[in-house]
Amino acid sequence: MTGTLFKNDKREKDTHPNATGSCIIDGVEYWVNAWTKDGAKGKFQSLAFKRKEERREEIKRESDRSGSSYGQQPADFGDEEIPFAPEWRG
């Protein structure tokens, strides 16, 4: 078993983890979230593990429900001019 945790610089709410990272347990990769909590005996870490492949499947299900194209092939514009291309900026 090995893993790492890093301070979560994107934390905006108390429900967001204080630290995030990843680990490998029995050859399986997991995402790790950690929350620092106060208990009767002092501070402690509460951990949650999620298989990396489960997260990919969850993102795909969410994009399928919302109609998002996340994770799909980019559109092929062929030789059409694209208005935000550098040559349009002048």
Foldseek 3Di string as FASTA:
>chain_A
DDWDKDADPPDDDLPAARIWIWDADPNFIWIKGWHWDADPVGIDIDMDIDGPVVVVVVVVVVCVVVVHCPPHDDDPPDPDDDCVDPVNVD
